[in-house]
PDB file of all heavy atoms in Angstrom:
ATOM      1  N   ASP A   1      53.528 374.001 -57.510  1.00  0.00           N
ATOM      2  CA  ASP A   1      54.815 374.683 -57.474  1.00  0.00           C
ATOM      3  C   ASP A   1      55.819 374.011 -56.549  1.00  0.00           C
ATOM      4  O   ASP A   1      56.687 374.669 -55.969  1.00  0.00           O
ATOM      5  CB  ASP A   1      54.614 376.152 -57.067  1.00  0.00           C
ATOM      6  CG  ASP A   1      53.873 376.926 -58.140  1.00  0.00           C
ATOM      7  OD1 ASP A   1      54.094 376.631 -59.333  1.00  0.00           O
ATOM      8  OD2 ASP A   1      53.071 377.804 -57.797  1.00  0.00           O
ATOM      9  N   ARG A   2      55.700 372.687 -56.450  1.00  0.00           N
ATOM     10  CA  ARG A   2      56.628 371.915 -55.629  1.00  0.00           C
ATOM     11  C   ARG A   2      57.401 370.959 -56.522  1.00  0.00           C
ATOM     12  O   ARG A   2      56.872 370.453 -57.506  1.00  0.00           O
ATOM     13  CB  ARG A   2      55.858 371.103 -54.590  1.00  0.00           C
ATOM     14  CG  ARG A   2      55.100 371.961 -53.596  1.00  0.00           C
ATOM     15  CD  ARG A   2      54.164 371.128 -52.767  1.00  0.00           C
ATOM     16  NE  ARG A   2      54.878 370.225 -51.894  1.00  0.00           N
ATOM     17  CZ  ARG A   2      54.695 370.151 -50.581  1.00  0.00           C
ATOM     18  NH1 ARG A   2      53.808 370.893 -50.003  1.00  0.00           N
ATOM     19  NH2 ARG A   2      55.384 369.312 -49.860  1.00  0.00           N
ATOM     20  N   GLN A   3      58.635 370.726 -56.166  1.00  0.00           N
ATOM     21  CA  GLN A   3      59.391 369.678 -56.840  1.00  0.00           C
ATOM     22  C   GLN A   3      58.756 368.344 -56.471  1.00  0.00           C
ATOM     23  O   GLN A   3      58.271 368.173 -55.351  1.00  0.00           O
ATOM     24  CB  GLN A   3      60.838 369.756 -56.357  1.00  0.00           C
ATOM     25  CG  GLN A   3      61.820 369.006 -57.183  1.00  0.00           C
ATOM     26  CD  GLN A   3      63.239 369.200 -56.673  1.00  0.00           C
ATOM     27  OE1 GLN A   3      63.469 369.234 -55.464  1.00  0.00           O
ATOM     28  NE2 GLN A   3      64.185 369.321 -57.590  1.00  0.00           N
ATOM     29  N   ALA A   4      58.722 367.395 -57.402  1.00  0.00           N
ATOM     30  CA  ALA A   4      58.082 366.107 -57.133  1.00  0.00           C
ATOM     31  C   ALA A   4      58.776 364.993 -57.901  1.00  0.00           C
ATOM     32  O   ALA A   4      59.388 365.223 -58.948  1.00  0.00           O
ATOM     33  CB  ALA A   4      56.610 366.160 -57.539  1.00  0.00           C
ATOM     34  N   VAL A   5      58.664 363.797 -57.374  1.00  0.00           N
ATOM     35  CA  VAL A   5      59.083 362.594 -58.083  1.00  0.00           C
ATOM     36  C   VAL A   5      57.815 361.961 -58.639  1.00  0.00           C
ATOM     37  O   VAL A   5      56.827 361.783 -57.911  1.00  0.00           O
ATOM     38  CB  VAL A   5      59.814 361.613 -57.146  1.00  0.00           C
ATOM     39  CG1 VAL A   5      60.041 360.274 -57.841  1.00  0.00           C
ATOM     40  CG2 VAL A   5      61.132 362.205 -56.674  1.00  0.00           C
ATOM     41  N   LEU A   6      57.814 361.639 -59.918  1.00  0.00           N
ATOM     42  CA  LEU A   6      56.682 360.982 -60.571  1.00  0.00           C
ATOM     43  C   LEU A   6      57.119 359.562 -60.911  1.00  0.00           C
ATOM     44  O   LEU A   6      58.125 359.368 -61.598  1.00  0.00           O
ATOM     45  CB  LEU A   6      56.279 361.730 -61.836  1.00  0.00           C
ATOM     46  CG  LEU A   6      56.026 363.231 -61.688  1.00  0.00           C
ATOM     47  CD1 LEU A   6      55.664 363.833 -63.034  1.00  0.00           C
ATOM     48  CD2 LEU A   6      54.949 363.502 -60.667  1.00  0.00           C
ATOM     49  N   ARG A   7      56.359 358.587 -60.401  1.00  0.00           N
ATOM     50  CA  ARG A   7      56.680 357.184 -60.640  1.00  0.00           C
ATOM     51  C   ARG A   7      55.546 356.509 -61.414  1.00  0.00           C
ATOM     52  O   ARG A   7      54.488 356.247 -60.850  1.00  0.00           O
ATOM     53  CB  ARG A   7      56.860 356.439 -59.318  1.00  0.00           C
ATOM     54  CG  ARG A   7      58.070 356.805 -58.533  1.00  0.00           C
ATOM     55  CD  ARG A   7      58.151 355.866 -57.343  1.00  0.00           C
ATOM     56  NE  ARG A   7      59.157 356.246 -56.404  1.00  0.00           N
ATOM     57  CZ  ARG A   7      59.275 355.702 -55.198  1.00  0.00           C
ATOM     58  NH1 ARG A   7      58.436 354.763 -54.806  1.00  0.00           N
ATOM     59  NH2 ARG A   7      60.239 356.088 -54.389  1.00  0.00           N
ATOM     60  N   PRO A   8      55.764 356.203 -62.690  1.00  0.00           N
ATOM     61  CA  PRO A   8      54.732 355.499 -63.459  1.00  0.00           C
ATOM     62  C   PRO A   8      54.814 353.986 -63.250  1.00  0.00           C
ATOM     63  O   PRO A   8      55.909 353.417 -63.155  1.00  0.00           O
ATOM     64  CB  PRO A   8      55.064 355.869 -64.904  1.00  0.00           C
ATOM     65  CG  PRO A   8      56.532 356.140 -64.898  1.00  0.00           C
ATOM     66  CD  PRO A   8      56.876 356.652 -63.528  1.00  0.00           C
ATOM     67  N   TYR A   9      53.635 353.348 -63.209  1.00  0.00           N
ATOM     68  CA  TYR A   9      53.528 351.900 -63.029  1.00  0.00           C
ATOM     69  C   TYR A   9      52.639 351.321 -64.122  1.00  0.00           C
ATOM     70  O   TYR A   9      51.700 351.969 -64.579  1.00  0.00           O
ATOM     71  CB  TYR A   9      52.888 351.574 -61.668  1.00  0.00           C
ATOM     72  CG  TYR A   9      53.722 352.032 -60.497  1.00  0.00           C
ATOM     73  CD1 TYR A   9      53.607 353.329 -60.006  1.00  0.00           C
ATOM     74  CD2 TYR A   9      54.617 351.176 -59.880  1.00  0.00           C
ATOM     75  CE1 TYR A   9      54.362 353.757 -58.939  1.00  0.00           C
ATOM     76  CE2 TYR A   9      55.388 351.597 -58.800  1.00  0.00           C
ATOM     77  CZ  TYR A   9      55.259 352.891 -58.338  1.00  0.00           C
ATOM     78  OH  TYR A   9      56.022 353.309 -57.278  1.00  0.00           O
ATOM     79  N   ASP A  10      52.927 350.048 -64.479  1.00  0.00           N
ATOM     80  CA  ASP A  10      52.051 349.365 -65.426  1.00  0.00           C
ATOM     81  C   ASP A  10      50.910 348.675 -64.678  1.00  0.00           C
ATOM     82  O   ASP A  10      50.833 348.747 -63.446  1.00  0.00           O
ATOM     83  CB  ASP A  10      52.838 348.386 -66.309  1.00  0.00           C
ATOM     84  CG  ASP A  10      53.436 347.199 -65.563  1.00  0.00           C
ATOM     85  OD1 ASP A  10      53.047 346.916 -64.399  1.00  0.00           O
ATOM     86  OD2 ASP A  10      54.296 346.520 -66.155  1.00  0.00           O
ATOM     87  N   ALA A  11      50.022 348.005 -65.398  1.00  0.00           N
ATOM     88  CA  ALA A  11      48.839 347.379 -64.790  1.00  0.00           C
ATOM     89  C   ALA A  11      49.181 346.260 -63.818  1.00  0.00           C
ATOM     90  O   ALA A  11      48.371 345.914 -62.963  1.00  0.00           O
ATOM     91  CB  ALA A  11      47.919 346.865 -65.895  1.00  0.00           C
ATOM     92  N   ALA A  12      50.387 345.702 -63.913  1.00  0.00           N
ATOM     93  CA  ALA A  12      50.828 344.651 -62.989  1.00  0.00           C
ATOM     94  C   ALA A  12      51.512 345.228 -61.755  1.00  0.00           C
ATOM     95  O   ALA A  12      51.950 344.482 -60.883  1.00  0.00           O
ATOM     96  CB  ALA A  12      51.762 343.679 -63.710  1.00  0.00           C
ATOM     97  N   GLY A  13      51.610 346.559 -61.675  1.00  0.00           N
ATOM     98  CA  GLY A  13      52.230 347.202 -60.520  1.00  0.00           C
ATOM     99  C   GLY A  13      53.739 347.320 -60.612  1.00  0.00           C
ATOM    100  O   GLY A  13      54.400 347.620 -59.616  1.00  0.00           O
ATOM    101  N   GLN A  14      54.303 347.125 -61.794  1.00  0.00           N
ATOM    102  CA  GLN A  14      55.746 347.262 -61.976  1.00  0.00           C
ATOM    103  C   GLN A  14      56.095 348.704 -62.336  1.00  0.00           C
ATOM    104  O   GLN A  14      55.474 349.298 -63.219  1.00  0.00           O
ATOM    105  CB  GLN A  14      56.235 346.315 -63.080  1.00  0.00           C
ATOM    106  CG  GLN A  14      56.052 344.857 -62.739  1.00  0.00           C
ATOM    107  CD  GLN A  14      56.837 344.444 -61.515  1.00  0.00           C
ATOM    108  OE1 GLN A  14      58.041 344.666 -61.417  1.00  0.00           O
ATOM    109  NE2 GLN A  14      56.149 343.864 -60.542  1.00  0.00           N
ATOM    110  N   MET A  15      57.092 349.261 -61.636  1.00  0.00           N
ATOM    111  CA  MET A  15      57.509 350.630 -61.921  1.00  0.00           C
ATOM    112  C   MET A  15      58.213 350.668 -63.273  1.00  0.00           C
ATOM    113  O   MET A  15      59.084 349.845 -63.559  1.00  0.00           O
ATOM    114  CB  MET A  15      58.420 351.161 -60.817  1.00  0.00           C
ATOM    115  CG  MET A  15      58.706 352.642 -60.945  1.00  0.00           C
ATOM    116  SD  MET A  15      59.428 353.393 -59.473  1.00  0.00           S
ATOM    117  CE  MET A  15      60.999 352.599 -59.380  1.00  0.00           C
ATOM    118  N   LEU A  16      57.834 351.620 -64.111  1.00  0.00           N
ATOM    119  CA  LEU A  16      58.369 351.728 -65.458  1.00  0.00           C
ATOM    120  C   LEU A  16      59.486 352.743 -65.593  1.00  0.00           C
ATOM    121  O   LEU A  16      60.294 352.660 -66.511  1.00  0.00           O
ATOM    122  CB  LEU A  16      57.235 352.105 -66.432  1.00  0.00           C
ATOM    123  CG  LEU A  16      56.078 351.119 -66.509  1.00  0.00           C
ATOM    124  CD1 LEU A  16      54.956 351.681 -67.362  1.00  0.00           C
ATOM    125  CD2 LEU A  16      56.560 349.784 -67.035  1.00  0.00           C
ATOM    126  N   ASP A  17      59.499 353.731 -64.719  1.00  0.00           N
ATOM    127  CA  ASP A  17      60.415 354.857 -64.886  1.00  0.00           C
ATOM    128  C   ASP A  17      60.391 355.665 -63.605  1.00  0.00           C
ATOM    129  O   ASP A  17      59.705 355.304 -62.650  1.00  0.00           O
ATOM    130  CB  ASP A  17      59.936 355.711 -66.070  1.00  0.00           C
ATOM    131  CG  ASP A  17      60.995 356.670 -66.610  1.00  0.00           C
ATOM    132  OD1 ASP A  17      62.112 356.703 -66.065  1.00  0.00           O
ATOM    133  OD2 ASP A  17      60.693 357.388 -67.581  1.00  0.00           O
ATOM    134  N   GLY A  18      61.055 356.760 -63.593  1.00  0.00           N
ATOM    135  CA  GLY A  18      61.008 357.728 -62.513  1.00  0.00           C
ATOM    136  C   GLY A  18      61.422 359.069 -63.061  1.00  0.00           C
ATOM    137  O   GLY A  18      62.372 359.152 -63.836  1.00  0.00           O
ATOM    138  N   VAL A  19      60.689 360.104 -62.718  1.00  0.00           N
ATOM    139  CA  VAL A  19      60.954 361.438 -63.242  1.00  0.00           C
ATOM    140  C   VAL A  19      61.013 362.420 -62.079  1.00  0.00           C
ATOM    141  O   VAL A  19      60.137 362.420 -61.209  1.00  0.00           O
ATOM    142  CB  VAL A  19      59.824 361.872 -64.215  1.00  0.00           C
ATOM    143  CG1 VAL A  19      60.026 363.305 -64.677  1.00  0.00           C
ATOM    144  CG2 VAL A  19      59.745 360.931 -65.397  1.00  0.00           C
ATOM    145  N   LEU A  20      62.043 363.249 -62.077  1.00  0.00           N
ATOM    146  CA  LEU A  20      62.120 364.347 -61.118  1.00  0.00           C
ATOM    147  C   LEU A  20      61.570 365.577 -61.821  1.00  0.00           C
ATOM    148  O   LEU A  20      62.141 366.050 -62.812  1.00  0.00           O
ATOM    149  CB  LEU A  20      63.568 364.587 -60.682  1.00  0.00           C
ATOM    150  CG  LEU A  20      63.793 365.776 -59.759  1.00  0.00           C
ATOM    151  CD1 LEU A  20      63.027 365.602 -58.448  1.00  0.00           C
ATOM    152  CD2 LEU A  20      65.280 365.965 -59.496  1.00  0.00           C
ATOM    153  N   ALA A  21      60.433 366.047 -61.349  1.00  0.00           N
ATOM    154  CA  ALA A  21      59.788 367.222 -61.947  1.00  0.00           C
ATOM    155  C   ALA A  21      60.106 368.455 -61.099  1.00  0.00           C
ATOM    156  O   ALA A  21      59.900 368.451 -59.887  1.00  0.00           O
ATOM    157  CB  ALA A  21      58.284 367.013 -62.031  1.00  0.00           C
ATOM    158  N   GLU A  22      60.587 369.467 -61.749  1.00  0.00           N
ATOM    159  CA  GLU A  22      60.878 370.726 -61.064  1.00  0.00           C
ATOM    160  C   GLU A  22      59.563 371.463 -60.797  1.00  0.00           C
ATOM    161  O   GLU A  22      58.532 371.148 -61.407  1.00  0.00           O
ATOM    162  CB  GLU A  22      61.822 371.573 -61.923  1.00  0.00           C
ATOM    163  CG  GLU A  22      63.204 370.971 -62.075  1.00  0.00           C
ATOM    164  CD  GLU A  22      63.924 370.747 -60.755  1.00  0.00           C
ATOM    165  OE1 GLU A  22      63.746 371.558 -59.813  1.00  0.00           O
ATOM    166  OE2 GLU A  22      64.677 369.761 -60.650  1.00  0.00           O
ATOM    167  N   PRO A  23      59.573 372.460 -59.902  1.00  0.00           N
ATOM    168  CA  PRO A  23      58.346 373.203 -59.620  1.00  0.00           C
ATOM    169  C   PRO A  23      57.691 373.713 -60.905  1.00  0.00           C
ATOM    170  O   PRO A  23      58.366 374.247 -61.787  1.00  0.00           O
ATOM    171  CB  PRO A  23      58.827 374.360 -58.738  1.00  0.00           C
ATOM    172  CG  PRO A  23      60.038 373.805 -58.049  1.00  0.00           C
ATOM    173  CD  PRO A  23      60.698 372.925 -59.078  1.00  0.00           C
ATOM    174  N   GLY A  24      56.388 373.471 -61.020  1.00  0.00           N
ATOM    175  CA  GLY A  24      55.633 373.906 -62.178  1.00  0.00           C
ATOM    176  C   GLY A  24      55.671 372.953 -63.362  1.00  0.00           C
ATOM    177  O   GLY A  24      54.988 373.186 -64.360  1.00  0.00           O
ATOM    178  N   GLU A  25      56.447 371.872 -63.285  1.00  0.00           N
ATOM    179  CA  GLU A  25      56.590 370.957 -64.417  1.00  0.00           C
ATOM    180  C   GLU A  25      55.813 369.650 -64.266  1.00  0.00           C
ATOM    181  O   GLU A  25      55.717 368.883 -65.229  1.00  0.00           O
ATOM    182  CB  GLU A  25      58.067 370.616 -64.640  1.00  0.00           C
ATOM    183  CG  GLU A  25      58.909 371.786 -65.067  1.00  0.00           C
ATOM    184  CD  GLU A  25      60.377 371.409 -65.263  1.00  0.00           C
ATOM    185  OE1 GLU A  25      60.742 370.233 -65.024  1.00  0.00           O
ATOM    186  OE2 GLU A  25      61.153 372.292 -65.648  1.00  0.00           O
ATOM    187  N   SER A  26      55.268 369.367 -63.105  1.00  0.00           N
ATOM    188  CA  SER A  26      54.636 368.067 -62.868  1.00  0.00           C
ATOM    189  C   SER A  26      53.470 367.790 -63.806  1.00  0.00           C
ATOM    190  O   SER A  26      53.316 366.672 -64.309  1.00  0.00           O
ATOM    191  CB  SER A  26      54.158 367.962 -61.416  1.00  0.00           C
ATOM    192  OG  SER A  26      55.257 367.889 -60.537  1.00  0.00           O
ATOM    193  N   GLU A  27      52.664 368.786 -64.064  1.00  0.00           N
ATOM    194  CA  GLU A  27      51.493 368.605 -64.928  1.00  0.00           C
ATOM    195  C   GLU A  27      51.899 368.172 -66.339  1.00  0.00           C
ATOM    196  O   GLU A  27      51.358 367.214 -66.897  1.00  0.00           O
ATOM    197  CB  GLU A  27      50.689 369.908 -64.977  1.00  0.00           C
ATOM    198  CG  GLU A  27      49.228 369.719 -65.083  1.00  0.00           C
ATOM    199  CD  GLU A  27      48.489 371.044 -64.889  1.00  0.00           C
ATOM    200  OE1 GLU A  27      49.094 372.128 -64.806  1.00  0.00           O
ATOM    201  OE2 GLU A  27      47.256 370.955 -64.833  1.00  0.00           O
ATOM    202  N   GLY A  28      52.879 368.845 -66.907  1.00  0.00           N
ATOM    203  CA  GLY A  28      53.371 368.493 -68.240  1.00  0.00           C
ATOM    204  C   GLY A  28      54.034 367.127 -68.264  1.00  0.00           C
ATOM    205  O   GLY A  28      53.861 366.353 -69.209  1.00  0.00           O
ATOM    206  N   GLU A  29      54.796 366.813 -67.227  1.00  0.00           N
ATOM    207  CA  GLU A  29      55.453 365.507 -67.149  1.00  0.00           C
ATOM    208  C   GLU A  29      54.422 364.387 -67.054  1.00  0.00           C
ATOM    209  O   GLU A  29      54.588 363.321 -67.643  1.00  0.00           O
ATOM    210  CB  GLU A  29      56.420 365.453 -65.969  1.00  0.00           C
ATOM    211  CG  GLU A  29      57.660 366.282 -66.149  1.00  0.00           C
ATOM    212  CD  GLU A  29      58.586 365.758 -67.247  1.00  0.00           C
ATOM    213  OE1 GLU A  29      58.515 364.571 -67.608  1.00  0.00           O
ATOM    214  OE2 GLU A  29      59.385 366.570 -67.760  1.00  0.00           O
ATOM    215  N   LEU A  30      53.344 364.625 -66.301  1.00  0.00           N
ATOM    216  CA  LEU A  30      52.285 363.612 -66.205  1.00  0.00           C
ATOM    217  C   LEU A  30      51.687 363.320 -67.578  1.00  0.00           C
ATOM    218  O   LEU A  30      51.505 362.157 -67.944  1.00  0.00           O
ATOM    219  CB  LEU A  30      51.157 364.096 -65.292  1.00  0.00           C
ATOM    220  CG  LEU A  30      51.273 363.816 -63.817  1.00  0.00           C
ATOM    221  CD1 LEU A  30      50.127 364.461 -63.081  1.00  0.00           C
ATOM    222  CD2 LEU A  30      51.342 362.334 -63.548  1.00  0.00           C
ATOM    223  N   LYS A  31      51.385 364.361 -68.314  1.00  0.00           N
ATOM    224  CA  LYS A  31      50.805 364.173 -69.649  1.00  0.00           C
ATOM    225  C   LYS A  31      51.756 363.387 -70.538  1.00  0.00           C
ATOM    226  O   LYS A  31      51.344 362.494 -71.275  1.00  0.00           O
ATOM    227  CB  LYS A  31      50.444 365.524 -70.256  1.00  0.00           C
ATOM    228  CG  LYS A  31      49.266 366.169 -69.549  1.00  0.00           C
ATOM    229  CD  LYS A  31      48.966 367.547 -70.060  1.00  0.00           C
ATOM    230  CE  LYS A  31      47.824 368.130 -69.235  1.00  0.00           C
ATOM    231  NZ  LYS A  31      47.579 369.511 -69.474  1.00  0.00           N
ATOM    232  N   ARG A  32      53.042 363.692 -70.441  1.00  0.00           N
ATOM    233  CA  ARG A  32      54.043 362.967 -71.232  1.00  0.00           C
ATOM    234  C   ARG A  32      54.091 361.499 -70.825  1.00  0.00           C
ATOM    235  O   ARG A  32      54.116 360.609 -71.681  1.00  0.00           O
ATOM    236  CB  ARG A  32      55.412 363.622 -71.066  1.00  0.00           C
ATOM    237  CG  ARG A  32      56.498 362.991 -71.942  1.00  0.00           C
ATOM    238  CD  ARG A  32      57.867 363.573 -71.649  1.00  0.00           C
ATOM    239  NE  ARG A  32      58.355 363.295 -70.314  1.00  0.00           N
ATOM    240  CZ  ARG A  32      58.818 362.107 -69.898  1.00  0.00           C
ATOM    241  NH1 ARG A  32      58.821 361.082 -70.709  1.00  0.00           N
ATOM    242  NH2 ARG A  32      59.272 361.960 -68.670  1.00  0.00           N
ATOM    243  N   LEU A  33      54.074 361.229 -69.521  1.00  0.00           N
ATOM    244  CA  LEU A  33      54.112 359.840 -69.048  1.00  0.00           C
ATOM    245  C   LEU A  33      52.894 359.056 -69.528  1.00  0.00           C
ATOM    246  O   LEU A  33      53.000 357.896 -69.930  1.00  0.00           O
ATOM    247  CB  LEU A  33      54.214 359.791 -67.523  1.00  0.00           C
ATOM    248  CG  LEU A  33      55.555 360.227 -66.936  1.00  0.00           C
ATOM    249  CD1 LEU A  33      55.450 360.381 -65.423  1.00  0.00           C
ATOM    250  CD2 LEU A  33      56.655 359.251 -67.310  1.00  0.00           C
ATOM    251  N   PHE A  34      51.709 359.695 -69.499  1.00  0.00           N
ATOM    252  CA  PHE A  34      50.492 359.003 -69.911  1.00  0.00           C
ATOM    253  C   PHE A  34      50.367 358.868 -71.433  1.00  0.00           C
ATOM    254  O   PHE A  34      49.474 358.185 -71.910  1.00  0.00           O
ATOM    255  CB  PHE A  34      49.249 359.663 -69.307  1.00  0.00           C
ATOM    256  CG  PHE A  34      48.983 359.199 -67.900  1.00  0.00           C
ATOM    257  CD1 PHE A  34      49.209 360.042 -66.824  1.00  0.00           C
ATOM    258  CD2 PHE A  34      48.519 357.922 -67.658  1.00  0.00           C
ATOM    259  CE1 PHE A  34      48.971 359.614 -65.523  1.00  0.00           C
ATOM    260  CE2 PHE A  34      48.280 357.474 -66.362  1.00  0.00           C
ATOM    261  CZ  PHE A  34      48.502 358.321 -65.292  1.00  0.00           C
ATOM    262  N   ASP A  35      51.290 359.458 -72.196  1.00  0.00           N
ATOM    263  CA  ASP A  35      51.339 359.186 -73.630  1.00  0.00           C
ATOM    264  C   ASP A  35      51.729 357.733 -73.892  1.00  0.00           C
ATOM    265  O   ASP A  35      51.449 357.196 -74.958  1.00  0.00           O
ATOM    266  CB  ASP A  35      52.326 360.121 -74.339  1.00  0.00           C
ATOM    267  CG  ASP A  35      51.760 361.510 -74.558  1.00  0.00           C
ATOM    268  OD1 ASP A  35      50.521 361.684 -74.472  1.00  0.00           O
ATOM    269  OD2 ASP A  35      52.564 362.431 -74.816  1.00  0.00           O
ATOM    270  N   ASP A  36      52.375 357.118 -72.913  1.00  0.00           N
ATOM    271  CA  ASP A  36      52.745 355.701 -73.019  1.00  0.00           C
ATOM    272  C   ASP A  36      51.541 354.864 -72.594  1.00  0.00           C
ATOM    273  O   ASP A  36      51.124 354.925 -71.436  1.00  0.00           O
ATOM    274  CB  ASP A  36      53.941 355.415 -72.107  1.00  0.00           C
ATOM    275  CG  ASP A  36      54.405 353.973 -72.147  1.00  0.00           C
ATOM    276  OD1 ASP A  36      53.705 353.107 -72.715  1.00  0.00           O
ATOM    277  OD2 ASP A  36      55.487 353.706 -71.585  1.00  0.00           O
ATOM    278  N   PRO A  37      50.958 354.061 -73.473  1.00  0.00           N
ATOM    279  CA  PRO A  37      49.778 353.264 -73.122  1.00  0.00           C
ATOM    280  C   PRO A  37      50.042 352.217 -72.043  1.00  0.00           C
ATOM    281  O   PRO A  37      49.100 351.721 -71.420  1.00  0.00           O
ATOM    282  CB  PRO A  37      49.372 352.610 -74.442  1.00  0.00           C
ATOM    283  CG  PRO A  37      50.525 352.748 -75.354  1.00  0.00           C
ATOM    284  CD  PRO A  37      51.368 353.887 -74.863  1.00  0.00           C
ATOM    285  N   ALA A  38      51.302 351.886 -71.796  1.00  0.00           N
ATOM    286  CA  ALA A  38      51.628 350.913 -70.748  1.00  0.00           C
ATOM    287  C   ALA A  38      51.459 351.487 -69.342  1.00  0.00           C
ATOM    288  O   ALA A  38      51.321 350.750 -68.375  1.00  0.00           O
ATOM    289  CB  ALA A  38      53.061 350.398 -70.919  1.00  0.00           C
ATOM    290  N   VAL A  39      51.429 352.806 -69.222  1.00  0.00           N
ATOM    291  CA  VAL A  39      51.304 353.450 -67.911  1.00  0.00           C
ATOM    292  C   VAL A  39      49.852 353.370 -67.442  1.00  0.00           C
ATOM    293  O   VAL A  39      48.950 353.889 -68.095  1.00  0.00           O
ATOM    294  CB  VAL A  39      51.791 354.915 -67.946  1.00  0.00           C
ATOM    295  CG1 VAL A  39      51.489 355.622 -66.628  1.00  0.00           C
ATOM    296  CG2 VAL A  39      53.273 354.969 -68.258  1.00  0.00           C
ATOM    297  N   ALA A  40      49.647 352.699 -66.311  1.00  0.00           N
ATOM    298  CA  ALA A  40      48.311 352.565 -65.723  1.00  0.00           C
ATOM    299  C   ALA A  40      48.090 353.560 -64.591  1.00  0.00           C
ATOM    300  O   ALA A  40      46.963 353.977 -64.338  1.00  0.00           O
ATOM    301  CB  ALA A  40      48.106 351.145 -65.200  1.00  0.00           C
ATOM    302  N   LEU A  41      49.169 353.935 -63.910  1.00  0.00           N
ATOM    303  CA  LEU A  41      49.071 354.762 -62.706  1.00  0.00           C
ATOM    304  C   LEU A  41      50.386 355.493 -62.519  1.00  0.00           C
ATOM    305  O   LEU A  41      51.452 354.938 -62.814  1.00  0.00           O
ATOM    306  CB  LEU A  41      48.826 353.849 -61.489  1.00  0.00           C
ATOM    307  CG  LEU A  41      48.701 354.509 -60.134  1.00  0.00           C
ATOM    308  CD1 LEU A  41      47.259 354.980 -59.927  1.00  0.00           C
ATOM    309  CD2 LEU A  41      49.065 353.540 -59.030  1.00  0.00           C
ATOM    310  N   VAL A  42      50.306 356.721 -62.051  1.00  0.00           N
ATOM    311  CA  VAL A  42      51.508 357.470 -61.687  1.00  0.00           C
ATOM    312  C   VAL A  42      51.344 357.922 -60.249  1.00  0.00           C
ATOM    313  O   VAL A  42      50.312 358.474 -59.874  1.00  0.00           O
ATOM    314  CB  VAL A  42      51.732 358.702 -62.603  1.00  0.00           C
ATOM    315  CG1 VAL A  42      52.927 359.525 -62.123  1.00  0.00           C
ATOM    316  CG2 VAL A  42      51.918 358.267 -64.049  1.00  0.00           C
ATOM    317  N   GLN A  43      52.375 357.662 -59.443  1.00  0.00           N
ATOM    318  CA  GLN A  43      52.392 358.184 -58.078  1.00  0.00           C
ATOM    319  C   GLN A  43      53.209 359.467 -58.064  1.00  0.00           C
ATOM    320  O   GLN A  43      54.303 359.520 -58.626  1.00  0.00           O
ATOM    321  CB  GLN A  43      53.004 357.174 -57.113  1.00  0.00           C
ATOM    322  CG  GLN A  43      52.147 355.968 -56.881  1.00  0.00           C
ATOM    323  CD  GLN A  43      52.742 355.035 -55.848  1.00  0.00           C
ATOM    324  OE1 GLN A  43      53.793 355.278 -55.269  1.00  0.00           O
ATOM    325  NE2 GLN A  43      52.054 353.934 -55.619  1.00  0.00           N
ATOM    326  N   VAL A  44      52.644 360.501 -57.434  1.00  0.00           N
ATOM    327  CA  VAL A  44      53.336 361.765 -57.237  1.00  0.00           C
ATOM    328  C   VAL A  44      53.857 361.734 -55.802  1.00  0.00           C
ATOM    329  O   VAL A  44      53.086 361.528 -54.862  1.00  0.00           O
ATOM    330  CB  VAL A  44      52.387 362.961 -57.462  1.00  0.00           C
ATOM    331  CG1 VAL A  44      53.107 364.278 -57.200  1.00  0.00           C
ATOM    332  CG2 VAL A  44      51.817 362.923 -58.880  1.00  0.00           C
ATOM    333  N   ARG A  45      55.168 361.908 -55.655  1.00  0.00           N
ATOM    334  CA  ARG A  45      55.804 361.731 -54.347  1.00  0.00           C
ATOM    335  C   ARG A  45      56.651 362.939 -53.957  1.00  0.00           C
ATOM    336  O   ARG A  45      57.138 363.676 -54.795  1.00  0.00           O
ATOM    337  CB  ARG A  45      56.689 360.483 -54.365  1.00  0.00           C
ATOM    338  CG  ARG A  45      55.871 359.217 -54.468  1.00  0.00           C
ATOM    339  CD  ARG A  45      56.739 357.987 -54.481  1.00  0.00           C
ATOM    340  NE  ARG A  45      55.924 356.835 -54.162  1.00  0.00           N
ATOM    341  CZ  ARG A  45      55.798 356.315 -52.948  1.00  0.00           C
ATOM    342  NH1 ARG A  45      56.441 356.832 -51.925  1.00  0.00           N
ATOM    343  NH2 ARG A  45      55.024 355.269 -52.745  1.00  0.00           N
TER     344      ARG A  45
END
């Protein structure tokens, strides 16, 4: 229930995007980000 910044990275460590998730939305945003096969890791900040 916290606002968060989600930063997806590819396997080479390059940031692909950035998402501001409102409280309660981070879980859904993560699933959406991982629909992209290029995403290797997402940092929640």
